[in-house]
Amino acid sequence: MLAGCLMAVTPAQAGGLAEKAKAELEAFGSHAGYIVATIGPCGGGEGEVAFFTGQIRKMLDGIGGDEADFAIVHDAMGKGRAVAKPQGRDCTDQGGLDLATELGRLRDAVRDAGK
């Protein structure tokens, strides 16, 4: 469902991102946590959560992220998921596309800040 809307990753850059892009990593993770919060209400299960989390890791890998970067994102995902209040429109194709588009924009912000 939503995972199919994820944008392709870009070629890897050398080194981690946290030193230059910590705020951007946190924003990316928080939005990913919101998306995770929509999975259950939209009919998905923990398997889809695990798959989506793996996709987030691949997105980070694709822009030069490392374990420390993923730890920041994963922590922010948990915080974002805990406070998220998904809306019914998130389960629609357009809602999922909007969420994925924003995730791609935030990924690009991490990439750009980490240069």
PDB file of N, CA and C in Angstrom:
ATOM      1  N   MET A   1       0.836  -1.173   0.000  1.00  0.00           N
ATOM      2  CA  MET A   1       0.000   0.000   0.000  1.00  0.00           C
ATOM      3  C   MET A   1       0.888   1.247   0.000  1.00  0.00           C
ATOM      4  N   LEU A   2       1.112   1.861   1.123  1.00  0.00           N
ATOM      5  CA  LEU A   2       1.891   3.081   1.198  1.00  0.00           C
ATOM      6  C   LEU A   2       3.329   2.860   0.782  1.00  0.00           C
ATOM      7  N   ALA A   3       3.877   1.714   1.133  1.00  0.00           N
ATOM      8  CA  ALA A   3       5.283   1.446   0.803  1.00  0.00           C
ATOM      9  C   ALA A   3       5.507   1.532  -0.704  1.00  0.00           C
ATOM     10  N   GLY A   4       4.510   1.205  -1.498  1.00  0.00           N
ATOM     11  CA  GLY A   4       4.630   1.296  -2.942  1.00  0.00           C
ATOM     12  C   GLY A   4       4.737   2.721  -3.434  1.00  0.00           C
ATOM     13  N   CYS A   5       4.339   3.680  -2.618  1.00  0.00           N
ATOM     14  CA  CYS A   5       4.408   5.090  -2.989  1.00  0.00           C
ATOM     15  C   CYS A   5       5.767   5.713  -2.690  1.00  0.00           C
ATOM     16  N   LEU A   6       6.616   4.999  -1.963  1.00  0.00           N
ATOM     17  CA  LEU A   6       7.900   5.580  -1.578  1.00  0.00           C
ATOM     18  C   LEU A   6       8.738   5.883  -2.800  1.00  0.00           C
ATOM     19  N   MET A   7       9.411   7.004  -2.738  1.00  0.00           N
ATOM     20  CA  MET A   7      10.246   7.421  -3.849  1.00  0.00           C
ATOM     21  C   MET A   7      11.552   6.637  -3.848  1.00  0.00           C
ATOM     22  N   ALA A   8      12.165   6.525  -4.995  1.00  0.00           N
ATOM     23  CA  ALA A   8      13.432   5.804  -5.123  1.00  0.00           C
ATOM     24  C   ALA A   8      14.529   6.524  -4.357  1.00  0.00           C
ATOM     25  N   VAL A   9      15.455   5.758  -3.838  1.00  0.00           N
ATOM     26  CA  VAL A   9      16.581   6.352  -3.131  1.00  0.00           C
ATOM     27  C   VAL A   9      17.586   6.897  -4.125  1.00  0.00           C
ATOM     28  N   THR A  10      18.400   7.837  -3.669  1.00  0.00           N
ATOM     29  CA  THR A  10      19.418   8.430  -4.515  1.00  0.00           C
ATOM     30  C   THR A  10      20.758   7.778  -4.227  1.00  0.00           C
ATOM     31  N   PRO A  11      21.740   7.946  -5.094  1.00  0.00           N
ATOM     32  CA  PRO A  11      23.045   7.314  -4.862  1.00  0.00           C
ATOM     33  C   PRO A  11      23.647   7.734  -3.529  1.00  0.00           C
ATOM     34  N   ALA A  12      24.379   6.815  -2.938  1.00  0.00           N
ATOM     35  CA  ALA A  12      24.962   7.043  -1.617  1.00  0.00           C
ATOM     36  C   ALA A  12      26.051   8.101  -1.666  1.00  0.00           C
ATOM     37  N   GLN A  13      26.147   8.828  -0.566  1.00  0.00           N
ATOM     38  CA  GLN A  13      27.245   9.761  -0.354  1.00  0.00           C
ATOM     39  C   GLN A  13      28.110   9.173   0.743  1.00  0.00           C
ATOM     40  N   ALA A  14      29.347   9.605   0.802  1.00  0.00           N
ATOM     41  CA  ALA A  14      30.252   9.083   1.824  1.00  0.00           C
ATOM     42  C   ALA A  14      29.948   9.715   3.174  1.00  0.00           C
ATOM     43  N   GLY A  15      30.013   8.912   4.230  1.00  0.00           N
ATOM     44  CA  GLY A  15      29.915   9.423   5.592  1.00  0.00           C
ATOM     45  C   GLY A  15      28.505   9.550   6.108  1.00  0.00           C
ATOM     46  N   GLY A  16      28.394   9.749   7.423  1.00  0.00           N
ATOM     47  CA  GLY A  16      27.107   9.920   8.082  1.00  0.00           C
ATOM     48  C   GLY A  16      26.578  11.335   7.907  1.00  0.00           C
ATOM     49  N   LEU A  17      25.382  11.548   8.391  1.00  0.00           N
ATOM     50  CA  LEU A  17      24.688  12.814   8.189  1.00  0.00           C
ATOM     51  C   LEU A  17      24.433  13.587   9.475  1.00  0.00           C
ATOM     52  N   ALA A  18      24.515  12.918  10.624  1.00  0.00           N
ATOM     53  CA  ALA A  18      24.057  13.508  11.882  1.00  0.00           C
ATOM     54  C   ALA A  18      24.768  14.808  12.235  1.00  0.00           C
ATOM     55  N   GLU A  19      26.034  14.911  11.917  1.00  0.00           N
ATOM     56  CA  GLU A  19      26.779  16.109  12.299  1.00  0.00           C
ATOM     57  C   GLU A  19      26.203  17.371  11.657  1.00  0.00           C
ATOM     58  N   LYS A  20      25.773  17.268  10.408  1.00  0.00           N
ATOM     59  CA  LYS A  20      25.274  18.438   9.688  1.00  0.00           C
ATOM     60  C   LYS A  20      23.754  18.488   9.594  1.00  0.00           C
ATOM     61  N   ALA A  21      23.088  17.368   9.797  1.00  0.00           N
ATOM     62  CA  ALA A  21      21.658  17.297   9.468  1.00  0.00           C
ATOM     63  C   ALA A  21      20.808  16.689  10.586  1.00  0.00           C
ATOM     64  N   LYS A  22      21.182  16.904  11.853  1.00  0.00           N
ATOM     65  CA  LYS A  22      20.442  16.270  12.950  1.00  0.00           C
ATOM     66  C   LYS A  22      18.977  16.705  12.971  1.00  0.00           C
ATOM     67  N   ALA A  23      18.711  17.992  12.837  1.00  0.00           N
ATOM     68  CA  ALA A  23      17.325  18.478  12.861  1.00  0.00           C
ATOM     69  C   ALA A  23      16.523  17.891  11.699  1.00  0.00           C
ATOM     70  N   GLU A  24      17.147  17.787  10.548  1.00  0.00           N
ATOM     71  CA  GLU A  24      16.472  17.234   9.375  1.00  0.00           C
ATOM     72  C   GLU A  24      16.201  15.740   9.549  1.00  0.00           C
ATOM     73  N   LEU A  25      17.164  15.021  10.155  1.00  0.00           N
ATOM     74  CA  LEU A  25      16.953  13.601  10.452  1.00  0.00           C
ATOM     75  C   LEU A  25      15.769  13.422  11.401  1.00  0.00           C
ATOM     76  N   GLU A  26      15.681  14.285  12.409  1.00  0.00           N
ATOM     77  CA  GLU A  26      14.574  14.196  13.366  1.00  0.00           C
ATOM     78  C   GLU A  26      13.236  14.495  12.700  1.00  0.00           C
ATOM     79  N   ALA A  27      13.195  15.479  11.814  1.00  0.00           N
ATOM     80  CA  ALA A  27      11.952  15.801  11.103  1.00  0.00           C
ATOM     81  C   ALA A  27      11.537  14.646  10.190  1.00  0.00           C
ATOM     82  N   PHE A  28      12.509  14.065   9.495  1.00  0.00           N
ATOM     83  CA  PHE A  28      12.257  12.913   8.633  1.00  0.00           C
ATOM     84  C   PHE A  28      11.706  11.754   9.460  1.00  0.00           C
ATOM     85  N   GLY A  29      12.339  11.476  10.588  1.00  0.00           N
ATOM     86  CA  GLY A  29      11.893  10.392  11.461  1.00  0.00           C
ATOM     87  C   GLY A  29      10.525  10.639  12.054  1.00  0.00           C
ATOM     88  N   SER A  30      10.266  11.866  12.455  1.00  0.00           N
ATOM     89  CA  SER A  30       8.959  12.189  13.024  1.00  0.00           C
ATOM     90  C   SER A  30       7.846  11.961  12.008  1.00  0.00           C
ATOM     91  N   HIS A  31       8.091  12.374  10.765  1.00  0.00           N
ATOM     92  CA  HIS A  31       7.075  12.167   9.724  1.00  0.00           C
ATOM     93  C   HIS A  31       6.912  10.673   9.434  1.00  0.00           C
ATOM     94  N   ALA A  32       8.024   9.951   9.405  1.00  0.00           N
ATOM     95  CA  ALA A  32       7.942   8.500   9.211  1.00  0.00           C
ATOM     96  C   ALA A  32       7.151   7.861  10.350  1.00  0.00           C
ATOM     97  N   GLY A  33       7.308   8.363  11.566  1.00  0.00           N
ATOM     98  CA  GLY A  33       6.530   7.861  12.701  1.00  0.00           C
ATOM     99  C   GLY A  33       5.044   8.124  12.538  1.00  0.00           C
ATOM    100  N   TYR A  34       4.706   9.288  11.984  1.00  0.00           N
ATOM    101  CA  TYR A  34       3.300   9.568  11.703  1.00  0.00           C
ATOM    102  C   TYR A  34       2.759   8.547  10.710  1.00  0.00           C
ATOM    103  N   ILE A  35       3.544   8.265   9.669  1.00  0.00           N
ATOM    104  CA  ILE A  35       3.105   7.282   8.672  1.00  0.00           C
ATOM    105  C   ILE A  35       2.918   5.922   9.331  1.00  0.00           C
ATOM    106  N   VAL A  36       3.846   5.519  10.189  1.00  0.00           N
ATOM    107  CA  VAL A  36       3.721   4.243  10.901  1.00  0.00           C
ATOM    108  C   VAL A  36       2.428   4.222  11.715  1.00  0.00           C
ATOM    109  N   ALA A  37       2.075   5.356  12.303  1.00  0.00           N
ATOM    110  CA  ALA A  37       0.845   5.429  13.103  1.00  0.00           C
ATOM    111  C   ALA A  37      -0.402   5.225  12.244  1.00  0.00           C
ATOM    112  N   THR A  38      -0.316   5.460  10.949  1.00  0.00           N
ATOM    113  CA  THR A  38      -1.473   5.275  10.065  1.00  0.00           C
ATOM    114  C   THR A  38      -1.653   3.817   9.635  1.00  0.00           C
ATOM    115  N   ILE A  39      -0.613   3.014   9.775  1.00  0.00           N
ATOM    116  CA  ILE A  39      -0.657   1.654   9.229  1.00  0.00           C
ATOM    117  C   ILE A  39      -1.756   0.823   9.863  1.00  0.00           C
ATOM    118  N   GLY A  40      -1.832   0.777  11.187  1.00  0.00           N
ATOM    119  CA  GLY A  40      -2.871  -0.007  11.858  1.00  0.00           C
ATOM    120  C   GLY A  40      -4.277   0.449  11.511  1.00  0.00           C
ATOM    121  N   PRO A  41      -4.578   1.755  11.676  1.00  0.00           N
ATOM    122  CA  PRO A  41      -5.920   2.237  11.345  1.00  0.00           C
ATOM    123  C   PRO A  41      -6.306   2.053   9.876  1.00  0.00           C
ATOM    124  N   CYS A  42      -5.309   1.943   9.010  1.00  0.00           N
ATOM    125  CA  CYS A  42      -5.583   1.756   7.586  1.00  0.00           C
ATOM    126  C   CYS A  42      -5.608   0.283   7.191  1.00  0.00           C
ATOM    127  N   GLY A  43      -5.531  -0.616   8.177  1.00  0.00           N
ATOM    128  CA  GLY A  43      -5.697  -2.039   7.906  1.00  0.00           C
ATOM    129  C   GLY A  43      -4.423  -2.849   7.839  1.00  0.00           C
ATOM    130  N   GLY A  44      -3.279  -2.232   8.101  1.00  0.00           N
ATOM    131  CA  GLY A  44      -2.013  -2.963   8.072  1.00  0.00           C
ATOM    132  C   GLY A  44      -1.661  -3.511   9.441  1.00  0.00           C
ATOM    133  N   GLY A  45      -0.657  -4.363   9.469  1.00  0.00           N
ATOM    134  CA  GLY A  45      -0.218  -4.959  10.719  1.00  0.00           C
ATOM    135  C   GLY A  45       1.245  -4.665  10.994  1.00  0.00           C
ATOM    136  N   GLU A  46       1.771  -5.324  12.010  1.00  0.00           N
ATOM    137  CA  GLU A  46       3.159  -5.101  12.402  1.00  0.00           C
ATOM    138  C   GLU A  46       4.146  -5.534  11.320  1.00  0.00           C
ATOM    139  N   GLY A  47       3.762  -6.466  10.471  1.00  0.00           N
ATOM    140  CA  GLY A  47       4.632  -6.845   9.360  1.00  0.00           C
ATOM    141  C   GLY A  47       4.847  -5.676   8.409  1.00  0.00           C
ATOM    142  N   GLU A  48       3.789  -4.905   8.168  1.00  0.00           N
ATOM    143  CA  GLU A  48       3.914  -3.737   7.304  1.00  0.00           C
ATOM    144  C   GLU A  48       4.739  -2.648   7.991  1.00  0.00           C
ATOM    145  N   VAL A  49       4.600  -2.532   9.317  1.00  0.00           N
ATOM    146  CA  VAL A  49       5.424  -1.579  10.067  1.00  0.00           C
ATOM    147  C   VAL A  49       6.896  -1.942   9.903  1.00  0.00           C
ATOM    148  N   ALA A  50       7.225  -3.226  10.053  1.00  0.00           N
ATOM    149  CA  ALA A  50       8.611  -3.676   9.915  1.00  0.00           C
ATOM    150  C   ALA A  50       9.121  -3.433   8.492  1.00  0.00           C
ATOM    151  N   PHE A  51       8.281  -3.703   7.503  1.00  0.00           N
ATOM    152  CA  PHE A  51       8.674  -3.472   6.118  1.00  0.00           C
ATOM    153  C   PHE A  51       8.944  -1.991   5.883  1.00  0.00           C
ATOM    154  N   PHE A  52       8.050  -1.140   6.354  1.00  0.00           N
ATOM    155  CA  PHE A  52       8.194   0.301   6.178  1.00  0.00           C
ATOM    156  C   PHE A  52       9.472   0.794   6.868  1.00  0.00           C
ATOM    157  N   THR A  53       9.735   0.297   8.063  1.00  0.00           N
ATOM    158  CA  THR A  53      10.947   0.692   8.784  1.00  0.00           C
ATOM    159  C   THR A  53      12.182   0.286   7.987  1.00  0.00           C
ATOM    160  N   GLY A  54      12.138  -0.871   7.365  1.00  0.00           N
ATOM    161  CA  GLY A  54      13.233  -1.292   6.490  1.00  0.00           C
ATOM    162  C   GLY A  54      13.398  -0.366   5.294  1.00  0.00           C
ATOM    163  N   GLN A  55      12.301   0.133   4.761  1.00  0.00           N
ATOM    164  CA  GLN A  55      12.361   1.065   3.641  1.00  0.00           C
ATOM    165  C   GLN A  55      12.980   2.394   4.081  1.00  0.00           C
ATOM    166  N   ILE A  56      12.664   2.815   5.290  1.00  0.00           N
ATOM    167  CA  ILE A  56      13.257   4.046   5.826  1.00  0.00           C
ATOM    168  C   ILE A  56      14.770   3.863   5.932  1.00  0.00           C
ATOM    169  N   ARG A  57      15.189   2.711   6.422  1.00  0.00           N
ATOM    170  CA  ARG A  57      16.625   2.426   6.526  1.00  0.00           C
ATOM    171  C   ARG A  57      17.283   2.468   5.145  1.00  0.00           C
ATOM    172  N   LYS A  58      16.639   1.891   4.141  1.00  0.00           N
ATOM    173  CA  LYS A  58      17.181   1.910   2.780  1.00  0.00           C
ATOM    174  C   LYS A  58      17.256   3.336   2.240  1.00  0.00           C
ATOM    175  N   MET A  59      16.249   4.140   2.545  1.00  0.00           N
ATOM    176  CA  MET A  59      16.280   5.535   2.106  1.00  0.00           C
ATOM    177  C   MET A  59      17.485   6.251   2.707  1.00  0.00           C
ATOM    178  N   LEU A  60      17.739   6.020   3.991  1.00  0.00           N
ATOM    179  CA  LEU A  60      18.900   6.637   4.638  1.00  0.00           C
ATOM    180  C   LEU A  60      20.205   6.125   4.044  1.00  0.00           C
ATOM    181  N   ASP A  61      20.282   4.825   3.839  1.00  0.00           N
ATOM    182  CA  ASP A  61      21.481   4.244   3.229  1.00  0.00           C
ATOM    183  C   ASP A  61      21.749   4.899   1.875  1.00  0.00           C
ATOM    184  N   GLY A  62      20.693   5.136   1.129  1.00  0.00           N
ATOM    185  CA  GLY A  62      20.820   5.691  -0.215  1.00  0.00           C
ATOM    186  C   GLY A  62      21.328   7.119  -0.254  1.00  0.00           C
ATOM    187  N   ILE A  63      21.242   7.824   0.864  1.00  0.00           N
ATOM    188  CA  ILE A  63      21.739   9.209   0.896  1.00  0.00           C
ATOM    189  C   ILE A  63      22.956   9.342   1.799  1.00  0.00           C
ATOM    190  N   GLY A  64      23.556   8.218   2.156  1.00  0.00           N
ATOM    191  CA  GLY A  64      24.792   8.255   2.922  1.00  0.00           C
ATOM    192  C   GLY A  64      24.634   8.125   4.424  1.00  0.00           C
ATOM    193  N   GLY A  65      23.469   7.727   4.888  1.00  0.00           N
ATOM    194  CA  GLY A  65      23.246   7.569   6.319  1.00  0.00           C
ATOM    195  C   GLY A  65      23.972   6.363   6.882  1.00  0.00           C
ATOM    196  N   ASP A  66      24.220   6.408   8.177  1.00  0.00           N
ATOM    197  CA  ASP A  66      24.873   5.289   8.851  1.00  0.00           C
ATOM    198  C   ASP A  66      24.036   4.867  10.061  1.00  0.00           C
ATOM    199  N   GLU A  67      24.581   4.000  10.879  1.00  0.00           N
ATOM    200  CA  GLU A  67      23.836   3.486  12.043  1.00  0.00           C
ATOM    201  C   GLU A  67      23.428   4.600  12.999  1.00  0.00           C
ATOM    202  N   ALA A  68      24.326   5.563  13.219  1.00  0.00           N
ATOM    203  CA  ALA A  68      24.000   6.678  14.119  1.00  0.00           C
ATOM    204  C   ALA A  68      22.836   7.498  13.559  1.00  0.00           C
ATOM    205  N   ASP A  69      22.830   7.699  12.256  1.00  0.00           N
ATOM    206  CA  ASP A  69      21.731   8.436  11.629  1.00  0.00           C
ATOM    207  C   ASP A  69      20.421   7.673  11.772  1.00  0.00           C
ATOM    208  N   PHE A  70      20.477   6.362  11.533  1.00  0.00           N
ATOM    209  CA  PHE A  70      19.258   5.559  11.663  1.00  0.00           C
ATOM    210  C   PHE A  70      18.766   5.572  13.102  1.00  0.00           C
ATOM    211  N   ALA A  71      19.663   5.568  14.074  1.00  0.00           N
ATOM    212  CA  ALA A  71      19.249   5.616  15.479  1.00  0.00           C
ATOM    213  C   ALA A  71      18.483   6.902  15.773  1.00  0.00           C
ATOM    214  N   ILE A  72      18.940   8.018  15.222  1.00  0.00           N
ATOM    215  CA  ILE A  72      18.236   9.297  15.402  1.00  0.00           C
ATOM    216  C   ILE A  72      16.856   9.221  14.769  1.00  0.00           C
ATOM    217  N   VAL A  73      16.802   8.711  13.543  1.00  0.00           N
ATOM    218  CA  VAL A  73      15.523   8.604  12.837  1.00  0.00           C
ATOM    219  C   VAL A  73      14.587   7.645  13.561  1.00  0.00           C
ATOM    220  N   HIS A  74      15.105   6.508  13.982  1.00  0.00           N
ATOM    221  CA  HIS A  74      14.273   5.505  14.655  1.00  0.00           C
ATOM    222  C   HIS A  74      13.692   6.064  15.959  1.00  0.00           C
ATOM    223  N   ASP A  75      14.503   6.800  16.717  1.00  0.00           N
ATOM    224  CA  ASP A  75      14.018   7.433  17.945  1.00  0.00           C
ATOM    225  C   ASP A  75      12.918   8.447  17.627  1.00  0.00           C
ATOM    226  N   ALA A  76      13.151   9.259  16.608  1.00  0.00           N
ATOM    227  CA  ALA A  76      12.146  10.253  16.209  1.00  0.00           C
ATOM    228  C   ALA A  76      10.880   9.579  15.682  1.00  0.00           C
ATOM    229  N   MET A  77      11.030   8.431  15.025  1.00  0.00           N
ATOM    230  CA  MET A  77       9.849   7.686  14.559  1.00  0.00           C
ATOM    231  C   MET A  77       8.986   7.265  15.747  1.00  0.00           C
ATOM    232  N   GLY A  78       9.626   6.761  16.788  1.00  0.00           N
ATOM    233  CA  GLY A  78       8.873   6.347  17.972  1.00  0.00           C
ATOM    234  C   GLY A  78       8.143   7.504  18.612  1.00  0.00           C
ATOM    235  N   LYS A  79       8.814   8.640  18.711  1.00  0.00           N
ATOM    236  CA  LYS A  79       8.178   9.831  19.287  1.00  0.00           C
ATOM    237  C   LYS A  79       7.040  10.319  18.397  1.00  0.00           C
ATOM    238  N   GLY A  80       7.282  10.339  17.089  1.00  0.00           N
ATOM    239  CA  GLY A  80       6.246  10.779  16.151  1.00  0.00           C
ATOM    240  C   GLY A  80       5.033   9.872  16.173  1.00  0.00           C
ATOM    241  N   ARG A  81       5.277   8.586  16.254  1.00  0.00           N
ATOM    242  CA  ARG A  81       4.184   7.609  16.300  1.00  0.00           C
ATOM    243  C   ARG A  81       3.365   7.777  17.570  1.00  0.00           C
ATOM    244  N   ALA A  82       4.040   8.056  18.675  1.00  0.00           N
ATOM    245  CA  ALA A  82       3.358   8.174  19.963  1.00  0.00           C
ATOM    246  C   ALA A  82       2.397   9.358  20.031  1.00  0.00           C
ATOM    247  N   VAL A  83       2.710  10.421  19.327  1.00  0.00           N
ATOM    248  CA  VAL A  83       1.859  11.622  19.403  1.00  0.00           C
ATOM    249  C   VAL A  83       0.950  11.785  18.184  1.00  0.00           C
ATOM    250  N   ALA A  84       1.100  10.939  17.180  1.00  0.00           N
ATOM    251  CA  ALA A  84       0.328  11.075  15.943  1.00  0.00           C
ATOM    252  C   ALA A  84      -1.156  10.844  16.170  1.00  0.00           C
ATOM    253  N   LYS A  85      -1.928  11.603  15.458  1.00  0.00           N
ATOM    254  CA  LYS A  85      -3.378  11.439  15.445  1.00  0.00           C
ATOM    255  C   LYS A  85      -3.798  11.345  13.971  1.00  0.00           C
ATOM    256  N   PRO A  86      -3.628  10.144  13.382  1.00  0.00           N
ATOM    257  CA  PRO A  86      -3.929   9.987  11.958  1.00  0.00           C
ATOM    258  C   PRO A  86      -5.375  10.369  11.632  1.00  0.00           C
ATOM    259  N   GLN A  87      -5.544  10.840  10.421  1.00  0.00           N
ATOM    260  CA  GLN A  87      -6.863  11.211   9.929  1.00  0.00           C
ATOM    261  C   GLN A  87      -7.347  10.160   8.952  1.00  0.00           C
ATOM    262  N   GLY A  88      -8.647  10.018   8.812  1.00  0.00           N
ATOM    263  CA  GLY A  88      -9.215   9.026   7.913  1.00  0.00           C
ATOM    264  C   GLY A  88      -8.751   9.167   6.483  1.00  0.00           C
ATOM    265  N   ARG A  89      -8.446  10.377   6.054  1.00  0.00           N
ATOM    266  CA  ARG A  89      -8.013  10.596   4.676  1.00  0.00           C
ATOM    267  C   ARG A  89      -6.639   9.998   4.408  1.00  0.00           C
ATOM    268  N   ASP A  90      -5.874   9.697   5.474  1.00  0.00           N
ATOM    269  CA  ASP A  90      -4.560   9.100   5.293  1.00  0.00           C
ATOM    270  C   ASP A  90      -4.646   7.718   4.648  1.00  0.00           C
ATOM    271  N   CYS A  91      -5.777   7.081   4.736  1.00  0.00           N
ATOM    272  CA  CYS A  91      -5.951   5.736   4.185  1.00  0.00           C
ATOM    273  C   CYS A  91      -6.335   5.746   2.707  1.00  0.00           C
ATOM    274  N   THR A  92      -6.583   6.915   2.167  1.00  0.00           N
ATOM    275  CA  THR A  92      -6.932   6.996   0.749  1.00  0.00           C
ATOM    276  C   THR A  92      -5.665   6.984  -0.094  1.00  0.00           C
ATOM    277  N   ASP A  93      -5.813   6.699  -1.384  1.00  0.00           N
ATOM    278  CA  ASP A  93      -4.656   6.749  -2.275  1.00  0.00           C
ATOM    279  C   ASP A  93      -4.022   8.132  -2.251  1.00  0.00           C
ATOM    280  N   GLN A  94      -4.842   9.178  -2.322  1.00  0.00           N
ATOM    281  CA  GLN A  94      -4.292  10.533  -2.322  1.00  0.00           C
ATOM    282  C   GLN A  94      -3.626  10.844  -0.988  1.00  0.00           C
ATOM    283  N   GLY A  95      -4.229  10.424   0.105  1.00  0.00           N
ATOM    284  CA  GLY A  95      -3.623  10.657   1.420  1.00  0.00           C
ATOM    285  C   GLY A  95      -2.283   9.960   1.544  1.00  0.00           C
ATOM    286  N   GLY A  96      -2.201   8.726   1.081  1.00  0.00           N
ATOM    287  CA  GLY A  96      -0.941   7.992   1.110  1.00  0.00           C
ATOM    288  C   GLY A  96       0.108   8.638   0.222  1.00  0.00           C
ATOM    289  N   LEU A  97      -0.312   9.109  -0.937  1.00  0.00           N
ATOM    290  CA  LEU A  97       0.612   9.783  -1.848  1.00  0.00           C
ATOM    291  C   LEU A  97       1.123  11.079  -1.230  1.00  0.00           C
ATOM    292  N   ASP A  98       0.239  11.829  -0.591  1.00  0.00           N
ATOM    293  CA  ASP A  98       0.657  13.070   0.066  1.00  0.00           C
ATOM    294  C   ASP A  98       1.683  12.793   1.164  1.00  0.00           C
ATOM    295  N   LEU A  99       1.444  11.742   1.958  1.00  0.00           N
ATOM    296  CA  LEU A  99       2.380  11.388   3.029  1.00  0.00           C
ATOM    297  C   LEU A  99       3.729  10.961   2.450  1.00  0.00           C
ATOM    298  N   ALA A 100       3.707  10.165   1.381  1.00  0.00           N
ATOM    299  CA  ALA A 100       4.944   9.697   0.757  1.00  0.00           C
ATOM    300  C   ALA A 100       5.700  10.843   0.096  1.00  0.00           C
ATOM    301  N   THR A 101       4.987  11.770  -0.515  1.00  0.00           N
ATOM    302  CA  THR A 101       5.623  12.921  -1.140  1.00  0.00           C
ATOM    303  C   THR A 101       6.344  13.765  -0.102  1.00  0.00           C
ATOM    304  N   GLU A 102       5.693  13.988   1.027  1.00  0.00           N
ATOM    305  CA  GLU A 102       6.321  14.755   2.109  1.00  0.00           C
ATOM    306  C   GLU A 102       7.533  14.007   2.665  1.00  0.00           C
ATOM    307  N   LEU A 103       7.445  12.694   2.775  1.00  0.00           N
ATOM    308  CA  LEU A 103       8.572  11.906   3.246  1.00  0.00           C
ATOM    309  C   LEU A 103       9.758  12.062   2.291  1.00  0.00           C
ATOM    310  N   GLY A 104       9.495  12.038   1.008  1.00  0.00           N
ATOM    311  CA  GLY A 104      10.550  12.243   0.021  1.00  0.00           C
ATOM    312  C   GLY A 104      11.162  13.626   0.120  1.00  0.00           C
ATOM    313  N   ARG A 105      10.335  14.627   0.350  1.00  0.00           N
ATOM    314  CA  ARG A 105      10.844  15.992   0.504  1.00  0.00           C
ATOM    315  C   ARG A 105      11.750  16.083   1.731  1.00  0.00           C
ATOM    316  N   LEU A 106      11.330  15.452   2.838  1.00  0.00           N
ATOM    317  CA  LEU A 106      12.124  15.483   4.058  1.00  0.00           C
ATOM    318  C   LEU A 106      13.425  14.690   3.885  1.00  0.00           C
ATOM    319  N   ARG A 107      13.372  13.585   3.156  1.00  0.00           N
ATOM    320  CA  ARG A 107      14.592  12.825   2.845  1.00  0.00           C
ATOM    321  C   ARG A 107      15.563  13.700   2.061  1.00  0.00           C
ATOM    322  N   ASP A 108      15.054  14.429   1.083  1.00  0.00           N
ATOM    323  CA  ASP A 108      15.907  15.314   0.296  1.00  0.00           C
ATOM    324  C   ASP A 108      16.501  16.414   1.164  1.00  0.00           C
ATOM    325  N   ALA A 109      15.742  16.904   2.145  1.00  0.00           N
ATOM    326  CA  ALA A 109      16.263  17.924   3.051  1.00  0.00           C
ATOM    327  C   ALA A 109      17.420  17.368   3.891  1.00  0.00           C
ATOM    328  N   VAL A 110      17.307  16.113   4.300  1.00  0.00           N
ATOM    329  CA  VAL A 110      18.407  15.476   5.031  1.00  0.00           C
ATOM    330  C   VAL A 110      19.624  15.388   4.120  1.00  0.00           C
ATOM    331  N   ARG A 111      19.420  14.897   2.918  1.00  0.00           N
ATOM    332  CA  ARG A 111      20.517  14.759   1.952  1.00  0.00           C
ATOM    333  C   ARG A 111      21.203  16.093   1.707  1.00  0.00           C
ATOM    334  N   ASP A 112      20.402  17.129   1.458  1.00  0.00           N
ATOM    335  CA  ASP A 112      20.965  18.439   1.139  1.00  0.00           C
ATOM    336  C   ASP A 112      21.700  19.055   2.321  1.00  0.00           C
ATOM    337  N   ALA A 113      21.160  18.897   3.528  1.00  0.00           N
ATOM    338  CA  ALA A 113      21.809  19.456   4.721  1.00  0.00           C
ATOM    339  C   ALA A 113      23.090  18.700   5.059  1.00  0.00           C
ATOM    340  N   GLY A 114      23.157  17.438   4.673  1.00  0.00           N
ATOM    341  CA  GLY A 114      24.326  16.623   4.974  1.00  0.00           C
ATOM    342  C   GLY A 114      25.482  16.785   4.014  1.00  0.00           C
ATOM    343  N   LYS A 115      25.299  17.582   2.972  1.00  0.00           N
ATOM    344  CA  LYS A 115      26.373  17.770   1.963  1.00  0.00           C
ATOM    345  C   LYS A 115      27.510  18.581   2.531  1.00  0.00           C
TER     346      LYS A 115
END
